[in-house]
N, C-alpha and C. Protein backbone atom coordinates (compact mmCIF):
# COMPACT_ATOMS: atom_id res chain seq x y z
N MET A 1 -133.29 264.12 -116.05
CA MET A 1 -132.73 265.19 -115.22
C MET A 1 -132.98 266.20 -116.37
N HIS A 2 -132.89 267.77 -115.78
CA HIS A 2 -133.50 268.81 -116.75
C HIS A 2 -132.19 269.33 -117.50
N ASP A 3 -132.93 269.68 -119.04
CA ASP A 3 -131.30 269.94 -119.86
C ASP A 3 -130.68 271.28 -119.47
N GLN A 4 -131.68 272.10 -119.51
CA GLN A 4 -130.75 273.43 -118.96
C GLN A 4 -130.17 273.80 -117.76
N PRO A 5 -128.91 273.80 -117.40
CA PRO A 5 -128.66 274.01 -116.20
C PRO A 5 -129.29 275.76 -115.65
N ILE A 6 -128.99 275.61 -113.83
CA ILE A 6 -129.01 276.40 -113.26
C ILE A 6 -128.35 277.15 -112.91
N SER A 7 -127.23 278.14 -112.97
CA SER A 7 -126.48 279.23 -112.11
C SER A 7 -126.73 279.18 -110.69
N LEU A 8 -125.77 278.92 -109.93
CA LEU A 8 -125.69 278.90 -108.24
C LEU A 8 -124.54 280.21 -108.32
N ALA A 9 -124.37 281.03 -107.28
CA ALA A 9 -123.16 281.78 -106.47
C ALA A 9 -123.68 281.57 -105.46
N MET A 10 -122.93 281.99 -104.75
CA MET A 10 -122.66 282.61 -103.41
C MET A 10 -121.10 282.93 -103.18
N THR A 11 -121.88 284.27 -102.22
CA THR A 11 -120.90 285.79 -102.22
C THR A 11 -120.38 285.79 -100.84
N GLY A 12 -119.88 286.56 -100.65
CA GLY A 12 -119.15 286.95 -98.89
C GLY A 12 -120.36 287.34 -97.82
N ALA A 13 -122.06 287.78 -98.49
CA ALA A 13 -122.61 288.06 -97.62
C ALA A 13 -122.74 287.00 -96.25
N SER A 14 -122.47 287.50 -95.38
CA SER A 14 -123.71 285.79 -94.76
C SER A 14 -125.22 285.55 -94.78
N GLY A 15 -125.30 283.86 -94.27
CA GLY A 15 -126.29 283.79 -94.93
C GLY A 15 -125.44 282.37 -95.50
N ALA A 16 -124.57 281.64 -95.25
CA ALA A 16 -124.47 280.74 -96.32
C ALA A 16 -125.06 279.44 -96.28
N GLN A 17 -125.86 279.52 -95.45
CA GLN A 17 -126.73 278.47 -95.14
C GLN A 17 -128.22 278.73 -95.86
N TYR A 18 -128.56 279.51 -96.59
CA TYR A 18 -129.02 279.91 -97.61
C TYR A 18 -128.77 279.39 -99.16
N GLY A 19 -127.29 279.53 -99.25
CA GLY A 19 -126.56 278.80 -100.20
C GLY A 19 -126.85 277.67 -100.43
N LEU A 20 -126.25 276.97 -99.38
CA LEU A 20 -125.91 275.64 -99.40
C LEU A 20 -127.48 274.62 -99.72
N ARG A 21 -128.06 275.25 -98.93
CA ARG A 21 -129.51 274.28 -98.51
C ARG A 21 -130.57 274.87 -99.84
N LEU A 22 -129.78 275.90 -100.70
CA LEU A 22 -130.67 275.64 -102.03
C LEU A 22 -130.17 274.41 -102.92
N LEU A 23 -128.55 275.04 -103.19
CA LEU A 23 -127.58 273.79 -103.52
C LEU A 23 -128.21 272.26 -103.53
N GLU A 24 -128.91 272.39 -102.14
CA GLU A 24 -129.44 270.77 -101.78
C GLU A 24 -130.26 270.07 -102.52
N MET A 25 -131.63 271.54 -102.13
CA MET A 25 -132.88 271.22 -102.97
C MET A 25 -132.58 271.61 -104.30
N LEU A 26 -131.92 272.05 -105.26
CA LEU A 26 -131.88 272.02 -106.59
C LEU A 26 -131.45 270.46 -106.95
N LEU A 27 -130.08 270.25 -106.56
CA LEU A 27 -130.01 269.21 -106.61
C LEU A 27 -130.94 267.70 -106.26
N LYS A 28 -131.29 268.14 -105.11
CA LYS A 28 -132.75 266.32 -104.77
C LYS A 28 -133.92 266.92 -105.84
N SER A 29 -133.83 268.40 -106.37
CA SER A 29 -134.61 268.47 -107.92
C SER A 29 -134.00 267.71 -109.24
N GLU A 30 -133.05 267.57 -109.78
CA GLU A 30 -132.27 266.65 -110.32
C GLU A 30 -132.05 267.50 -111.43
N ARG A 31 -132.28 268.55 -110.67
CA ARG A 31 -131.42 270.24 -111.69
C ARG A 31 -130.29 269.71 -112.19
N ARG A 32 -129.09 270.53 -112.88
CA ARG A 32 -128.10 270.33 -113.08
C ARG A 32 -127.31 271.96 -112.50
N VAL A 33 -126.47 272.29 -112.15
CA VAL A 33 -126.13 273.09 -111.73
C VAL A 33 -124.64 273.55 -111.66
N TYR A 34 -124.41 274.72 -111.80
CA TYR A 34 -123.06 275.25 -111.77
C TYR A 34 -123.24 276.55 -110.88
N LEU A 35 -121.90 276.25 -110.11
CA LEU A 35 -121.99 276.49 -109.36
C LEU A 35 -120.24 277.07 -108.79
N MET A 36 -120.70 278.60 -108.27
CA MET A 36 -119.57 279.38 -108.18
C MET A 36 -120.05 280.03 -107.01
N LEU A 37 -118.20 280.33 -106.42
CA LEU A 37 -118.30 280.69 -104.85
C LEU A 37 -116.67 281.39 -104.92
N SER A 38 -117.57 282.34 -104.73
CA SER A 38 -116.52 283.70 -103.96
C SER A 38 -115.04 283.55 -103.20
N LYS A 39 -114.35 283.71 -103.44
CA LYS A 39 -113.17 283.80 -101.99
C LYS A 39 -113.87 284.06 -100.83
N PRO A 40 -114.25 284.95 -101.03
CA PRO A 40 -115.15 285.70 -99.43
C PRO A 40 -116.04 284.84 -99.12
N ALA A 41 -117.19 284.10 -100.23
CA ALA A 41 -117.84 283.14 -99.41
C ALA A 41 -117.48 281.65 -98.86
N GLN A 42 -116.28 281.79 -99.69
CA GLN A 42 -115.48 279.86 -98.76
C GLN A 42 -115.12 280.48 -97.54
N LEU A 43 -114.63 281.84 -97.30
CA LEU A 43 -114.44 282.26 -95.87
C LEU A 43 -115.85 282.44 -95.05
N VAL A 44 -117.01 283.06 -94.93
CA VAL A 44 -117.52 283.26 -94.53
C VAL A 44 -118.59 280.85 -94.62
N ILE A 45 -118.39 280.62 -95.65
CA ILE A 45 -118.77 279.10 -95.44
C ILE A 45 -118.70 278.58 -94.47
N GLY A 46 -116.97 278.47 -94.44
CA GLY A 46 -116.45 278.17 -93.07
C GLY A 46 -116.75 278.46 -91.55
N THR A 47 -116.82 279.87 -91.94
CA THR A 47 -117.46 280.40 -90.34
C THR A 47 -118.58 280.15 -89.50
N GLU A 48 -119.47 280.19 -90.76
CA GLU A 48 -121.06 279.73 -90.52
C GLU A 48 -121.30 278.40 -90.57
N THR A 49 -120.88 277.69 -91.03
CA THR A 49 -121.20 276.39 -91.21
C THR A 49 -120.12 275.18 -90.83
N ASP A 50 -120.20 273.91 -90.98
CA ASP A 50 -119.46 273.02 -90.50
C ASP A 50 -118.80 272.70 -91.60
N PHE A 51 -119.35 272.76 -92.45
CA PHE A 51 -118.13 272.66 -93.81
C PHE A 51 -116.99 273.51 -94.02
N LYS A 52 -115.97 272.63 -94.12
CA LYS A 52 -114.57 272.62 -94.62
C LYS A 52 -114.31 272.39 -95.56
N LEU A 53 -114.47 273.77 -96.40
CA LEU A 53 -114.29 273.53 -98.23
C LEU A 53 -112.39 273.35 -98.71
N PRO A 54 -112.45 272.82 -99.32
CA PRO A 54 -110.74 272.70 -99.87
C PRO A 54 -110.88 274.37 -100.98
N SER A 55 -109.87 274.59 -100.95
CA SER A 55 -109.33 275.80 -101.36
C SER A 55 -109.45 275.65 -103.47
N ARG A 56 -109.58 274.68 -104.26
CA ARG A 56 -109.73 274.38 -105.25
C ARG A 56 -110.96 274.34 -106.06
N ALA A 57 -111.28 274.68 -106.73
CA ALA A 57 -112.78 274.19 -107.40
C ALA A 57 -112.70 272.67 -107.62
N ALA A 58 -111.74 272.56 -108.35
CA ALA A 58 -112.15 270.91 -108.65
C ALA A 58 -112.70 270.08 -107.32
N GLU A 59 -111.20 270.41 -106.59
CA GLU A 59 -111.66 269.95 -105.02
C GLU A 59 -112.98 270.04 -104.78
N ILE A 60 -113.27 271.20 -104.83
CA ILE A 60 -114.75 271.54 -103.79
C ILE A 60 -115.86 270.96 -104.41
N GLU A 61 -115.91 270.91 -105.68
CA GLU A 61 -116.80 270.40 -106.56
C GLU A 61 -116.25 268.47 -106.24
N THR A 62 -115.48 267.74 -105.79
CA THR A 62 -115.60 266.55 -105.65
C THR A 62 -116.57 266.21 -104.14
N PHE A 63 -116.00 267.26 -103.31
CA PHE A 63 -116.34 267.01 -102.13
C PHE A 63 -117.74 267.41 -101.78
N LEU A 64 -118.70 268.33 -102.77
CA LEU A 64 -119.68 268.89 -102.92
C LEU A 64 -120.35 267.72 -102.98
N ARG A 65 -119.96 267.00 -104.54
CA ARG A 65 -120.64 265.49 -104.77
C ARG A 65 -120.79 264.46 -104.06
N GLN A 66 -119.73 264.49 -103.22
CA GLN A 66 -119.79 263.66 -102.34
C GLN A 66 -120.82 263.72 -101.40
N HIS A 67 -120.82 265.10 -100.84
CA HIS A 67 -121.49 265.53 -99.61
C HIS A 67 -123.00 265.20 -99.81
N PHE A 68 -123.38 265.63 -100.93
CA PHE A 68 -124.78 265.95 -101.53
C PHE A 68 -125.26 264.34 -102.38
N ARG A 69 -124.14 263.36 -102.78
CA ARG A 69 -124.49 262.21 -103.47
C ARG A 69 -124.45 262.87 -105.01
N ALA A 70 -124.44 263.81 -105.29
CA ALA A 70 -124.19 264.58 -107.08
C ALA A 70 -123.70 263.35 -108.05
N THR A 71 -124.00 263.42 -108.91
CA THR A 71 -123.11 263.20 -109.98
C THR A 71 -122.25 264.78 -110.47
N ALA A 72 -121.02 263.69 -111.33
CA ALA A 72 -120.53 264.21 -111.66
C ALA A 72 -121.42 265.59 -113.08
N GLU A 73 -122.74 264.60 -113.42
CA GLU A 73 -122.76 265.48 -114.98
C GLU A 73 -124.08 266.12 -114.27
N GLN A 74 -124.32 266.69 -112.80
CA GLN A 74 -125.16 267.25 -112.10
C GLN A 74 -124.35 268.14 -111.93
N LEU A 75 -123.40 268.41 -111.32
CA LEU A 75 -122.87 269.24 -110.39
C LEU A 75 -121.38 269.92 -110.93
N ARG A 76 -121.13 271.16 -111.09
CA ARG A 76 -119.89 271.50 -111.64
C ARG A 76 -119.33 272.97 -110.67
N VAL A 77 -118.55 272.76 -110.69
CA VAL A 77 -117.84 273.72 -109.71
C VAL A 77 -117.06 274.93 -110.71
N PHE A 78 -117.12 276.03 -110.44
CA PHE A 78 -115.97 276.82 -111.28
C PHE A 78 -115.03 277.75 -110.60
N ALA A 79 -114.28 278.16 -110.77
CA ALA A 79 -113.02 278.71 -110.34
C ALA A 79 -113.66 280.46 -110.34
N PRO A 80 -113.28 281.39 -109.77
CA PRO A 80 -114.03 282.77 -110.05
C PRO A 80 -113.09 283.25 -111.35
N GLU A 81 -111.84 283.00 -111.46
CA GLU A 81 -112.10 283.74 -113.19
C GLU A 81 -111.12 282.52 -113.82
N GLN A 82 -112.58 281.53 -114.08
CA GLN A 82 -112.66 280.45 -114.78
C GLN A 82 -113.45 280.73 -116.02
N TRP A 83 -112.92 281.88 -117.16
CA TRP A 83 -113.55 282.29 -118.39
C TRP A 83 -113.91 281.39 -119.12
N SER A 84 -113.24 279.95 -118.91
CA SER A 84 -114.28 279.11 -120.33
C SER A 84 -115.33 278.24 -119.92
N ALA A 85 -115.69 278.57 -118.62
CA ALA A 85 -116.98 278.26 -118.16
C ALA A 85 -117.84 278.61 -118.90
N PRO A 86 -119.02 278.07 -119.41
CA PRO A 86 -120.18 277.99 -120.40
C PRO A 86 -120.97 278.97 -119.75
N VAL A 87 -121.01 279.27 -118.56
CA VAL A 87 -121.60 280.89 -117.72
C VAL A 87 -121.28 282.06 -118.33
N ALA A 88 -120.46 282.44 -119.15
CA ALA A 88 -119.54 283.32 -119.25
C ALA A 88 -119.76 283.91 -120.73
N SER A 89 -120.53 282.94 -121.14
CA SER A 89 -121.31 283.20 -122.93
C SER A 89 -122.71 283.41 -122.40
N GLY A 90 -123.36 283.91 -123.60
CA GLY A 90 -124.57 284.00 -123.64
C GLY A 90 -125.04 282.57 -124.83
N SER A 91 -124.35 282.44 -124.91
CA SER A 91 -124.57 281.11 -126.32
C SER A 91 -124.96 279.71 -125.92
N ALA A 92 -124.23 279.62 -124.31
CA ALA A 92 -124.44 278.56 -123.29
C ALA A 92 -126.11 279.05 -122.77
N THR A 93 -127.24 278.11 -123.29
CA THR A 93 -128.17 277.91 -122.66
C THR A 93 -128.56 277.68 -121.54
N MET A 94 -128.91 278.94 -120.34
CA MET A 94 -128.93 278.90 -118.97
C MET A 94 -130.50 278.84 -118.39
N HIS A 95 -131.22 277.55 -117.50
CA HIS A 95 -132.16 277.83 -117.16
C HIS A 95 -132.12 279.43 -116.16
N ALA A 96 -132.05 279.52 -115.69
CA ALA A 96 -131.66 280.79 -114.95
C ALA A 96 -130.52 280.91 -113.85
N MET A 97 -130.26 281.87 -112.67
CA MET A 97 -129.52 282.17 -111.98
C MET A 97 -129.30 282.54 -110.81
N VAL A 98 -128.78 282.66 -109.93
CA VAL A 98 -129.42 282.83 -108.77
C VAL A 98 -128.33 283.00 -107.65
N ILE A 99 -127.75 284.18 -106.89
CA ILE A 99 -126.71 285.01 -106.49
C ILE A 99 -127.32 284.81 -104.64
N CYS A 100 -126.89 283.70 -104.31
CA CYS A 100 -127.25 283.70 -102.39
C CYS A 100 -126.51 283.09 -102.02
N PRO A 101 -125.79 283.68 -101.04
CA PRO A 101 -126.13 285.35 -100.52
C PRO A 101 -125.75 285.94 -101.74
N CYS A 102 -126.11 287.56 -101.29
CA CYS A 102 -125.45 287.85 -102.46
C CYS A 102 -125.15 289.28 -102.02
N SER A 103 -123.62 289.76 -101.67
CA SER A 103 -123.57 290.82 -100.84
C SER A 103 -123.18 292.07 -101.30
N MET A 104 -123.40 292.76 -101.60
CA MET A 104 -123.77 294.53 -101.72
C MET A 104 -122.94 294.62 -102.42
N ALA A 105 -121.39 294.23 -102.11
CA ALA A 105 -120.36 294.80 -103.49
C ALA A 105 -121.21 293.63 -104.60
N THR A 106 -121.47 292.58 -104.47
CA THR A 106 -121.52 292.12 -105.59
C THR A 106 -123.13 292.63 -106.40
N LEU A 107 -123.56 293.11 -105.78
CA LEU A 107 -124.92 293.88 -105.97
C LEU A 107 -124.22 294.97 -107.00
N SER A 108 -123.63 295.87 -106.03
CA SER A 108 -123.08 296.71 -106.87
C SER A 108 -122.64 296.82 -108.19
N ALA A 109 -121.81 295.40 -108.46
CA ALA A 109 -121.00 295.13 -109.60
C ALA A 109 -121.49 294.57 -110.35
N VAL A 110 -123.34 293.61 -110.52
CA VAL A 110 -123.93 293.65 -111.48
C VAL A 110 -124.76 294.75 -111.97
N ALA A 111 -124.99 296.44 -110.93
CA ALA A 111 -125.83 296.88 -110.99
C ALA A 111 -124.75 297.36 -112.51
N VAL A 112 -123.66 297.64 -112.63
CA VAL A 112 -122.97 298.64 -113.36
C VAL A 112 -122.30 298.21 -114.31
N GLY A 113 -122.28 296.54 -114.21
CA GLY A 113 -121.95 295.26 -115.48
C GLY A 113 -120.36 295.63 -116.01
N ALA A 114 -120.29 295.68 -114.35
CA ALA A 114 -118.56 295.28 -113.76
C ALA A 114 -117.69 294.24 -114.80
N SER A 115 -118.35 293.36 -114.29
CA SER A 115 -117.80 291.83 -114.82
C SER A 115 -116.66 291.64 -115.05
N ARG A 116 -116.21 291.86 -114.09
CA ARG A 116 -114.27 291.59 -113.16
C ARG A 116 -114.46 290.14 -112.49
N SER A 117 -115.33 289.56 -112.01
CA SER A 117 -115.40 288.08 -111.57
C SER A 117 -115.69 287.02 -112.84
N LEU A 118 -116.15 286.02 -112.25
CA LEU A 118 -117.04 284.58 -113.21
C LEU A 118 -118.68 285.09 -112.91
N ILE A 119 -118.38 285.09 -111.50
CA ILE A 119 -119.88 285.37 -111.10
C ILE A 119 -120.80 286.90 -111.82
N GLU A 120 -119.62 287.63 -111.31
CA GLU A 120 -120.36 289.20 -112.26
C GLU A 120 -120.58 289.21 -113.97
N ARG A 121 -120.01 288.16 -114.28
CA ARG A 121 -120.06 288.18 -116.02
C ARG A 121 -121.20 287.67 -116.24
N ALA A 122 -121.10 286.25 -115.37
CA ALA A 122 -122.11 285.24 -115.60
C ALA A 122 -123.96 285.92 -115.30
N ALA A 123 -123.56 286.80 -114.36
CA ALA A 123 -124.89 288.03 -113.84
C ALA A 123 -125.08 288.72 -115.01
N ASP A 124 -124.10 288.76 -115.56
CA ASP A 124 -124.23 290.10 -116.82
C ASP A 124 -125.27 289.90 -118.26
N VAL A 125 -124.50 288.42 -118.57
CA VAL A 125 -124.81 287.59 -119.76
C VAL A 125 -126.15 286.93 -119.10
N THR A 126 -126.60 286.72 -117.84
CA THR A 126 -128.20 286.18 -117.46
C THR A 126 -128.82 287.97 -117.74
N ILE A 127 -128.65 288.84 -117.56
CA ILE A 127 -129.64 290.10 -117.74
C ILE A 127 -129.10 290.17 -119.25
N LYS A 128 -127.84 290.04 -119.70
CA LYS A 128 -128.10 290.73 -122.01
C LYS A 128 -129.40 289.38 -122.75
N GLU A 129 -129.14 288.12 -122.18
CA GLU A 129 -129.60 287.70 -122.55
C GLU A 129 -131.25 287.39 -122.32
N GLN A 130 -132.03 288.28 -121.34
CA GLN A 130 -133.02 288.45 -120.94
C GLN A 130 -133.64 287.19 -120.08
N ARG A 131 -132.35 286.62 -119.58
CA ARG A 131 -132.95 285.15 -118.75
C ARG A 131 -133.13 285.53 -116.98
N THR A 132 -134.02 284.92 -116.09
CA THR A 132 -133.96 285.07 -115.14
C THR A 132 -133.00 285.17 -114.08
N LEU A 133 -132.77 286.67 -113.44
CA LEU A 133 -131.48 286.33 -112.54
C LEU A 133 -131.93 286.52 -111.51
N ILE A 134 -131.57 285.93 -110.21
CA ILE A 134 -132.29 286.29 -108.88
C ILE A 134 -131.81 286.62 -108.42
N LEU A 135 -131.35 287.88 -107.16
CA LEU A 135 -129.93 288.14 -105.76
C LEU A 135 -131.00 287.97 -104.78
N VAL A 136 -130.35 287.47 -103.93
CA VAL A 136 -131.27 287.20 -102.53
C VAL A 136 -129.87 288.01 -101.37
N PRO A 137 -130.04 289.17 -101.44
CA PRO A 137 -128.88 290.32 -100.67
C PRO A 137 -129.71 289.78 -99.03
N ARG A 138 -128.13 290.04 -98.18
CA ARG A 138 -128.34 289.82 -96.94
C ARG A 138 -127.63 290.72 -96.37
N GLU A 139 -128.40 291.77 -96.08
CA GLU A 139 -128.07 293.02 -95.37
C GLU A 139 -128.54 294.12 -94.76
N THR A 140 -128.62 294.70 -93.78
CA THR A 140 -128.97 295.39 -92.75
C THR A 140 -128.64 296.67 -91.96
N PRO A 141 -129.13 298.14 -91.84
CA PRO A 141 -129.88 298.56 -92.96
C PRO A 141 -129.26 298.70 -94.35
N PHE A 142 -130.10 298.88 -95.56
CA PHE A 142 -129.80 299.26 -96.32
C PHE A 142 -129.62 300.45 -96.92
N SER A 143 -128.14 301.20 -97.11
CA SER A 143 -127.99 302.41 -97.54
C SER A 143 -128.98 302.83 -98.78
N ALA A 144 -128.93 304.49 -99.23
CA ALA A 144 -129.29 304.85 -100.29
C ALA A 144 -129.04 304.30 -101.66
N ILE A 145 -127.60 303.98 -101.33
CA ILE A 145 -126.46 302.64 -102.14
C ILE A 145 -126.93 301.80 -102.33
N HIS A 146 -127.16 301.08 -102.18
CA HIS A 146 -128.06 299.62 -102.09
C HIS A 146 -129.18 299.47 -102.69
N LEU A 147 -130.18 300.47 -102.03
CA LEU A 147 -131.48 300.69 -102.83
C LEU A 147 -131.60 301.48 -103.88
N GLN A 148 -130.39 302.04 -104.27
CA GLN A 148 -130.36 302.62 -105.72
C GLN A 148 -130.16 301.22 -106.74
N ASN A 149 -128.90 300.88 -106.43
CA ASN A 149 -128.83 299.47 -106.97
C ASN A 149 -129.69 298.41 -106.96
N MET A 150 -130.61 298.32 -106.15
CA MET A 150 -131.73 297.47 -106.34
C MET A 150 -132.85 297.95 -107.28
N LEU A 151 -133.00 299.21 -107.14
CA LEU A 151 -133.98 299.38 -107.96
C LEU A 151 -133.92 299.50 -110.09
N LYS A 152 -132.54 299.90 -109.62
CA LYS A 152 -132.01 299.82 -110.35
C LYS A 152 -131.80 298.53 -111.57
N LEU A 153 -131.35 297.45 -111.00
CA LEU A 153 -131.78 296.45 -111.63
C LEU A 153 -132.85 295.70 -111.51
N ALA A 154 -134.00 295.84 -110.77
CA ALA A 154 -135.39 295.63 -110.61
C ALA A 154 -136.29 296.03 -112.16
N ARG A 155 -135.60 297.07 -112.10
CA ARG A 155 -136.25 298.01 -113.58
C ARG A 155 -135.93 297.25 -114.64
N LEU A 156 -134.46 296.92 -114.85
CA LEU A 156 -133.95 295.59 -115.72
C LEU A 156 -134.61 294.44 -115.70
N GLY A 157 -135.51 293.94 -114.60
CA GLY A 157 -136.22 292.55 -114.42
C GLY A 157 -135.61 291.78 -113.71
N VAL A 158 -135.02 291.95 -112.73
CA VAL A 158 -133.87 291.32 -111.87
C VAL A 158 -134.62 291.09 -110.60
N THR A 159 -134.99 289.73 -110.16
CA THR A 159 -136.01 290.03 -109.49
C THR A 159 -134.54 290.11 -107.89
N ILE A 160 -134.94 290.93 -107.25
CA ILE A 160 -134.79 291.21 -106.23
C ILE A 160 -135.52 290.53 -104.58
N LEU A 161 -135.17 289.36 -103.83
CA LEU A 161 -135.15 288.25 -103.50
C LEU A 161 -134.47 288.98 -101.80
N PRO A 162 -134.73 289.48 -100.70
CA PRO A 162 -133.63 289.82 -99.63
C PRO A 162 -134.17 288.37 -98.85
N ALA A 163 -133.48 287.78 -98.28
CA ALA A 163 -132.91 286.98 -97.23
C ALA A 163 -134.12 287.51 -95.87
N ASN A 164 -135.61 287.56 -95.78
CA ASN A 164 -136.46 288.39 -94.82
C ASN A 164 -137.55 287.55 -94.23
N PRO A 165 -136.86 286.15 -93.54
CA PRO A 165 -137.97 285.26 -93.34
C PRO A 165 -139.43 285.15 -93.06
N GLY A 166 -140.02 284.82 -93.52
CA GLY A 166 -141.89 285.15 -92.68
C GLY A 166 -141.77 284.04 -91.28
N PHE A 167 -142.86 284.45 -90.63
CA PHE A 167 -142.65 283.72 -89.31
C PHE A 167 -144.52 283.11 -89.33
N TYR A 168 -145.33 283.39 -90.53
CA TYR A 168 -146.97 282.79 -90.56
C TYR A 168 -146.85 281.61 -90.09
N HIS A 169 -145.54 280.71 -90.84
CA HIS A 169 -145.20 279.14 -91.03
C HIS A 169 -145.16 278.94 -89.06
N ARG A 170 -145.21 279.57 -88.26
CA ARG A 170 -144.59 279.17 -86.99
C ARG A 170 -143.11 278.22 -86.84
N PRO A 171 -142.21 279.25 -87.49
CA PRO A 171 -140.72 278.27 -87.21
C PRO A 171 -140.46 277.95 -86.00
N GLU A 172 -139.85 276.73 -85.85
CA GLU A 172 -139.52 276.26 -84.70
C GLU A 172 -138.22 276.35 -84.80
N LYS A 173 -137.09 276.21 -85.70
CA LYS A 173 -135.55 276.21 -84.98
C LYS A 173 -135.01 276.91 -86.52
N VAL A 174 -133.63 277.36 -86.76
CA VAL A 174 -133.55 277.72 -88.06
C VAL A 174 -133.73 277.28 -89.04
N ASP A 175 -133.94 276.41 -89.60
CA ASP A 175 -134.15 275.60 -90.37
C ASP A 175 -135.08 276.10 -91.12
N ASP A 176 -135.92 276.30 -90.36
CA ASP A 176 -137.29 276.35 -90.98
C ASP A 176 -137.15 277.63 -91.30
N LEU A 177 -136.90 278.75 -90.84
CA LEU A 177 -136.32 280.07 -91.35
C LEU A 177 -135.27 280.36 -92.75
N VAL A 178 -134.58 279.30 -92.81
CA VAL A 178 -133.83 279.32 -93.89
C VAL A 178 -134.57 278.52 -95.01
N ASP A 179 -135.29 277.60 -94.65
CA ASP A 179 -136.36 276.96 -95.66
C ASP A 179 -137.01 278.03 -96.35
N PHE A 180 -137.85 278.69 -95.27
CA PHE A 180 -138.72 279.78 -95.91
C PHE A 180 -138.56 280.70 -96.89
N VAL A 181 -136.80 281.06 -97.34
CA VAL A 181 -136.10 282.16 -97.69
C VAL A 181 -135.73 281.20 -99.41
N VAL A 182 -135.44 279.85 -98.68
CA VAL A 182 -135.35 278.56 -99.97
C VAL A 182 -136.21 278.55 -101.01
N ALA A 183 -137.24 278.32 -99.97
CA ALA A 183 -138.48 277.99 -100.86
C ALA A 183 -139.14 279.31 -102.06
N ARG A 184 -139.08 280.54 -101.30
CA ARG A 184 -139.62 281.54 -102.22
C ARG A 184 -138.52 281.44 -103.55
N VAL A 185 -137.37 281.14 -103.17
CA VAL A 185 -136.23 280.98 -104.35
C VAL A 185 -136.90 280.20 -105.77
N LEU A 186 -137.33 279.10 -104.71
CA LEU A 186 -137.43 277.75 -105.66
C LEU A 186 -138.71 278.07 -106.20
N ASP A 187 -140.01 279.19 -105.57
CA ASP A 187 -140.83 279.59 -106.39
C ASP A 187 -140.88 279.99 -107.40
N HIS A 188 -139.35 281.09 -107.46
CA HIS A 188 -139.25 282.43 -108.52
C HIS A 188 -138.72 281.23 -109.99
N LEU A 189 -138.43 280.19 -109.12
CA LEU A 189 -137.40 279.09 -110.45
C LEU A 189 -138.28 278.35 -110.95
N ARG A 190 -139.80 278.36 -110.29
CA ARG A 190 -140.58 277.52 -111.08
C ARG A 190 -140.39 275.86 -111.00
N ILE A 191 -140.04 275.39 -109.33
CA ILE A 191 -139.46 274.51 -109.33
C ILE A 191 -140.61 273.99 -108.32
N ALA A 192 -140.81 272.64 -108.55
CA ALA A 192 -141.89 272.25 -107.07
C ALA A 192 -141.08 271.76 -106.00
N HIS A 193 -141.74 272.43 -104.75
CA HIS A 193 -140.98 271.50 -103.41
C HIS A 193 -141.99 271.69 -101.89
N THR A 194 -141.52 271.38 -101.36
CA THR A 194 -142.30 271.17 -99.98
C THR A 194 -141.68 271.32 -98.67
N LEU A 195 -141.11 272.44 -98.69
CA LEU A 195 -140.65 272.87 -97.92
C LEU A 195 -141.49 273.46 -96.64
N MET A 196 -142.80 274.49 -97.70
CA MET A 196 -143.38 275.30 -97.30
C MET A 196 -144.48 275.31 -97.66
N ALA A 197 -145.84 275.01 -96.91
CA ALA A 197 -146.91 275.24 -97.96
C ALA A 197 -147.27 276.96 -98.49
N ALA A 198 -148.32 276.77 -99.00
CA ALA A 198 -148.39 278.47 -100.21
C ALA A 198 -149.52 278.96 -98.46
N TRP A 199 -149.23 279.72 -98.36
CA TRP A 199 -150.29 280.66 -97.60
C TRP A 199 -152.06 280.00 -98.00
N GLY A 200 -152.82 279.70 -96.83
CA GLY A 200 -154.20 279.64 -97.14
C GLY A 200 -154.31 278.32 -97.14
N ALA A 201 -152.96 277.50 -97.73
CA ALA A 201 -152.99 276.04 -98.03
C ALA A 201 -153.94 275.12 -97.27
N GLN A 202 -153.64 275.48 -96.08
CA GLN A 202 -153.86 274.56 -94.29
C GLN A 202 -155.71 274.91 -94.44
N GLU A 203 -155.96 275.49 -94.76
CA GLU A 203 -156.95 276.49 -94.66
C GLU A 203 -158.13 275.30 -96.10
N ARG A 204 -157.49 275.48 -97.20
CA ARG A 204 -158.30 274.54 -97.97
C ARG A 204 -158.36 273.15 -98.08
N GLU A 205 -157.63 272.89 -97.42
CA GLU A 205 -157.29 271.03 -96.84
C GLU A 205 -158.42 271.20 -96.03
N GLU A 206 -158.36 272.21 -95.11
CA GLU A 206 -159.46 271.79 -93.72
C GLU A 206 -161.17 272.14 -94.51
């Protein structure tokens, strides 16, 4: 198991499937994951998926460990205002942070360093420590405000990876579209996967 954890946050944007699939793949890759769910994210998960999450972080942690067959060492879930969590301080070494899906409200807060919740503080820490931060916005259309916030963050080194699946791999079901986006996130985390072949890989094999 890899020593440095990956922080994964899910917020209230539509696209809960992206975050849950990413969590699954990180755990399958034997990565340690520090998970944060905003209250709107819990509502969206209940609306868009068959998951019926409990309300408290400790209960969510138990539920997700059982569902994904993860160990206590591998998966930890932190409450939105659990300021004692390792992700709230730069002294705790993390591999990277991903916010997937990332709402425009969260993106805006990260862009101005608001740090009002644990998710926002963890992102602020990731930026100040110059670690990898990946935001997966799921919104359409983007307003000028959204674009300005994304440009500001991109100039700070944040990776803006919208949930825009491609179609050159001939998707046959919704899961294929979800895997396309998750694969791109894993690529930027430098984590090997078999979700999708790289462009041109089939031609090289032939």
